Each structure stands twice: as structure tokens, then as C-alpha cells.
Amino acid sequence: MSIDVKAIEEHIRGIIIALGDNPDREGLKETPMRVAKMYEEIFEGMNYSNDEIANMFDKTFEDDVCMEKNDDLVLMKDIEVFSHCEHHLALMYNMKVAVAYIPMNKIIGLSKIARVCDMVTRRLQLQERIGDDIAEIIMKITGSKDVAVIIEGEHGCMTMRGIKKPGTKTLTTTMRGRFKTDTNLFNRLMYLYK
């Protein structure tokens, strides 16, 4: 899939007209083009499937790791991202993602975890789906079935419109493998997450 920048420009021009403004006035002349370029950047993740993202960031290290007991835990937290709600196209902001996994004979490069999170959130999304997509991609890259994703964020559709409750945060958890079934492992994760 490819983002159609020209079509976005035309539609933004139409939105400006529908809002009752003149798209040809000085301050708005280049707005459709600027918005289209911004959308191309902030929605880049829409160009890729989860499999393609997994291939893009598949950088693991096998030689440096010896995990015989399979109870070592890797946790990266406070990964700052943003996304856009697919229901209102509203910004999801002040978002922080935590990703945990139990290595299975290989580990993923740490920057790749953050890059996966960034690319997944650059789509029209639901916070719940973001967690599912990140977990799926990390599982594909690492080969581990034991993956957890915790996301906390604020949603413009809650804070700027409708109910208008600024400061309201949404917390979602996505647990796979032993994070879902092993209470001790889940509790350990939550203790480390705090």
C-alpha cells in the first residue's frame, strides 16, 4: 500500500472549504500540501504489514546469549510514541510503551524494539491493537512466545471533544505465552514496570 499524497491534498482543500474558509488565502495556500506531507510521515506504518515490519527490524544476536533456564526477562519501558485513533483521527499522545519478552536463544537489538513500536503506532489505530501488533512482531523477530506489551496514553477523542476529560489515561496490557499463564512472571513484570 502506498500513501496517495495528491489525493490527501485535494481532500484537505475540500475540508478547508467545508469549514467555511478560503483555501486560496495567503495563510492556507500551502496547507493542503503541508498536511499531505505530514500525513505521509506520521502514517508511514500504514505502508507495511506486521510481517514486513518484522523483516525490517529483524536484528537479533544469538552468539552472545546463553539462556538455558529461559526465565531471564528483557524489559524496555518508557518508549515514547504517538498514534491516531481510527474512530476520530484524533491524536493519541503522552503514550509510553513497555515491551517485555523472555529470550529463546536470541535477543533483539534494543533500538529495534523502539523502532517496532514507532512503526506500529504510525497507523490509524486502536490502543488495544497497537499492543497486539507489537507483541506479534516481537514474537516473530525473537522466536519467543513469551511477550508482554503495556501501553499508557491519553486520547484526544477523550480530552478535546466529547466527554472532555483532560488528563484521563488509558492503560492496556497484551500478554502472550507465560506472561498470560504464570502469575509469578506476571507479578514480576508488573513490579519491574512500576
Protein backbone atom coordinates (compact mmCIF):
# COMPACT_ATOMS: atom_id res chain seq x y z
CA MET A 1 0.00 0.00 0.00
CA SER A 2 1.21 3.48 -0.77
CA ILE A 3 0.02 6.78 0.67
CA ASP A 4 -1.58 8.96 -2.04
CA VAL A 5 -0.23 12.42 -1.19
CA LYS A 6 -2.05 14.16 -4.08
CA ALA A 7 -5.42 12.74 -3.01
CA ILE A 8 -4.80 13.89 0.56
CA GLU A 9 -4.02 17.41 -0.71
CA GLU A 10 -7.31 17.51 -2.64
CA HIS A 11 -9.31 16.28 0.35
CA ILE A 12 -7.68 18.72 2.77
CA ARG A 13 -8.51 21.53 0.36
CA GLY A 14 -12.12 20.30 0.40
CA ILE A 15 -12.14 20.20 4.21
CA ILE A 16 -10.92 23.80 4.36
CA ILE A 17 -13.76 24.81 2.05
CA ALA A 18 -16.27 22.75 4.07
CA LEU A 19 -15.10 24.55 7.22
CA GLY A 20 -16.05 27.83 5.53
CA ASP A 21 -12.58 29.16 4.84
CA ASN A 22 -10.79 30.10 1.61
CA PRO A 23 -8.00 27.63 0.70
CA ASP A 24 -6.53 30.26 -1.64
CA ARG A 25 -5.90 32.86 1.04
CA GLU A 26 -2.26 33.52 1.95
CA GLY A 27 -2.12 31.53 5.21
CA LEU A 28 -3.82 28.45 3.71
CA LYS A 29 -2.35 28.26 0.17
CA GLU A 30 0.22 25.62 1.03
CA THR A 31 -1.71 23.97 3.87
CA PRO A 32 -3.08 21.04 1.81
CA MET A 33 0.46 20.19 0.62
CA ARG A 34 1.93 20.56 4.13
CA VAL A 35 -0.79 18.39 5.69
CA ALA A 36 -0.35 15.73 2.98
CA LYS A 37 3.42 15.60 3.60
CA MET A 38 2.80 15.43 7.37
CA TYR A 39 0.31 12.57 6.91
CA GLU A 40 2.80 10.71 4.71
CA GLU A 41 5.30 10.89 7.58
CA ILE A 42 3.06 10.25 10.59
CA PHE A 43 1.15 7.40 8.90
CA GLU A 44 4.23 5.69 7.43
CA GLY A 45 3.39 2.44 9.23
CA MET A 46 0.30 2.04 7.05
CA ASN A 47 2.63 1.14 4.18
CA TYR A 48 3.75 -2.06 5.91
CA SER A 49 2.21 -5.26 7.23
CA ASN A 50 3.32 -6.73 10.55
CA ASP A 51 5.39 -9.30 8.63
CA GLU A 52 7.14 -6.52 6.70
CA ILE A 53 7.87 -4.61 9.91
CA ALA A 54 9.26 -7.80 11.48
CA ASN A 55 11.57 -8.28 8.47
CA MET A 56 12.58 -4.61 8.52
CA PHE A 57 13.76 -4.74 12.14
CA ASP A 58 14.89 -8.36 12.40
CA LYS A 59 18.26 -7.75 14.06
CA THR A 60 18.97 -10.38 16.69
CA PHE A 61 22.05 -11.69 18.44
CA GLU A 62 22.43 -15.41 19.06
CA ASP A 63 26.10 -15.86 19.93
CA ASP A 64 26.13 -13.56 22.97
CA VAL A 65 23.25 -15.21 24.80
CA CYS A 66 23.02 -18.46 26.67
CA MET A 67 19.55 -18.86 28.13
CA GLU A 68 19.22 -22.40 29.41
CA LYS A 69 16.68 -21.76 32.16
CA ASN A 70 14.51 -19.48 29.99
CA ASP A 71 13.46 -17.35 32.93
CA ASP A 72 15.55 -14.26 32.18
CA LEU A 73 13.40 -11.27 31.33
CA VAL A 74 14.13 -8.35 29.00
CA LEU A 75 12.04 -5.24 29.65
CA MET A 76 12.25 -1.97 27.77
CA LYS A 77 9.90 0.68 29.08
CA ASP A 78 9.01 4.35 28.64
CA ILE A 79 9.22 4.15 24.85
CA GLU A 80 7.52 7.39 23.84
CA VAL A 81 5.22 7.17 20.82
CA PHE A 82 2.10 8.79 19.40
CA SER A 83 -0.66 7.49 17.19
CA HIS A 84 -4.05 8.47 15.80
CA CYS A 85 -7.38 6.99 16.82
CA GLU A 86 -9.09 5.33 13.89
CA HIS A 87 -12.53 6.44 15.11
CA HIS A 88 -11.96 10.22 15.15
CA LEU A 89 -8.47 10.61 13.63
CA ALA A 90 -7.66 12.24 16.97
CA LEU A 91 -4.16 12.21 18.37
CA MET A 92 -3.21 9.60 20.96
CA TYR A 93 -0.43 11.32 22.87
CA ASN A 94 1.73 11.16 26.00
CA MET A 95 1.94 7.48 25.12
CA LYS A 96 4.52 5.23 26.69
CA VAL A 97 5.06 1.63 25.68
CA ALA A 98 6.76 -1.12 27.66
CA VAL A 99 7.81 -4.32 25.88
CA ALA A 100 8.98 -7.43 27.72
CA TYR A 101 9.99 -10.83 26.44
CA ILE A 102 11.79 -13.96 27.58
CA PRO A 103 14.66 -14.66 25.16
CA MET A 104 14.72 -18.01 23.39
CA ASN A 105 18.40 -18.39 22.40
CA LYS A 106 18.50 -14.94 20.81
CA ILE A 107 17.86 -11.33 21.72
CA ILE A 108 16.65 -8.43 19.61
CA GLY A 109 18.72 -5.25 19.26
CA LEU A 110 17.28 -2.78 21.77
CA SER A 111 16.81 0.05 19.29
CA LYS A 112 14.77 -2.34 17.15
CA ILE A 113 12.17 -2.70 19.93
CA ALA A 114 11.66 1.07 19.93
CA ARG A 115 11.59 1.14 16.11
CA VAL A 116 8.92 -1.57 16.02
CA CYS A 117 6.80 0.42 18.49
CA ASP A 118 7.25 3.59 16.45
CA MET A 119 6.32 1.98 13.13
CA VAL A 120 3.25 0.20 14.54
CA THR A 121 1.90 3.43 16.02
CA ARG A 122 2.27 5.26 12.70
CA ARG A 123 -1.08 3.86 11.56
CA LEU A 124 -4.71 4.65 12.18
CA GLN A 125 -5.03 2.54 15.30
CA LEU A 126 -6.73 1.47 18.48
CA GLN A 127 -4.53 1.31 21.56
CA GLU A 128 -5.54 -2.32 22.07
CA ARG A 129 -4.46 -3.23 18.53
CA ILE A 130 -1.13 -1.44 18.98
CA GLY A 131 -0.33 -3.87 21.81
CA ASP A 132 -1.40 -6.88 19.72
CA ASP A 133 0.63 -5.75 16.71
CA ILE A 134 3.79 -5.04 18.73
CA ALA A 135 3.52 -8.40 20.53
CA GLU A 136 3.05 -10.25 17.23
CA ILE A 137 6.07 -8.57 15.63
CA ILE A 138 8.34 -9.11 18.66
CA MET A 139 7.31 -12.79 18.71
CA LYS A 140 8.18 -13.12 15.00
CA ILE A 141 11.59 -11.48 15.43
CA THR A 142 12.68 -13.17 18.67
CA GLY A 143 11.01 -16.54 18.27
CA SER A 144 9.75 -16.17 21.85
CA LYS A 145 6.15 -16.98 22.67
CA ASP A 146 6.51 -15.10 25.98
CA VAL A 147 5.89 -11.43 25.16
CA ALA A 148 4.14 -8.63 27.05
CA VAL A 149 3.24 -5.11 25.94
CA ILE A 150 1.93 -2.41 28.28
CA ILE A 151 0.75 0.91 26.86
CA GLU A 152 -0.38 4.04 28.66
CA GLY A 153 -1.65 7.07 26.80
CA GLU A 154 -4.04 9.96 26.52
CA HIS A 155 -6.57 10.18 23.71
CA GLY A 156 -7.61 13.43 22.04
CA CYS A 157 -11.06 11.94 21.43
CA MET A 158 -11.45 11.81 25.24
CA THR A 159 -9.65 15.01 26.22
CA MET A 160 -10.52 17.54 23.47
CA ARG A 161 -14.02 16.51 22.38
CA GLY A 162 -17.00 14.52 23.61
CA ILE A 163 -16.60 13.95 27.34
CA LYS A 164 -13.64 16.43 27.51
CA LYS A 165 -11.70 14.88 30.38
CA PRO A 166 -8.07 16.13 30.15
CA GLY A 167 -5.55 14.00 31.97
CA THR A 168 -7.55 10.79 31.53
CA LYS A 169 -5.15 7.94 30.75
CA THR A 170 -5.86 4.60 29.16
CA LEU A 171 -3.74 1.60 30.17
CA THR A 172 -3.77 -1.56 28.07
CA THR A 173 -1.90 -4.82 28.53
CA THR A 174 -1.21 -7.51 25.97
CA MET A 175 0.11 -10.74 27.43
CA ARG A 176 1.31 -13.72 25.42
CA GLY A 177 2.65 -17.10 26.50
CA ARG A 178 3.77 -17.43 30.10
CA PHE A 179 3.02 -13.79 30.87
CA LYS A 180 -0.61 -14.81 30.48
CA THR A 181 -0.45 -18.05 32.48
CA ASP A 182 2.34 -17.67 35.06
CA THR A 183 1.20 -15.45 37.93
CA ASN A 184 4.72 -15.12 39.35
CA LEU A 185 6.11 -13.97 35.99
CA PHE A 186 3.24 -11.52 35.52
CA ASN A 187 3.76 -10.11 39.04
CA ARG A 188 7.50 -9.79 38.41
CA LEU A 189 6.79 -7.87 35.21
CA MET A 190 4.36 -5.52 36.95
CA TYR A 191 6.86 -4.91 39.79
CA LEU A 192 9.59 -4.02 37.27
CA TYR A 193 7.16 -1.90 35.23
CA LYS A 194 6.39 0.46 38.11
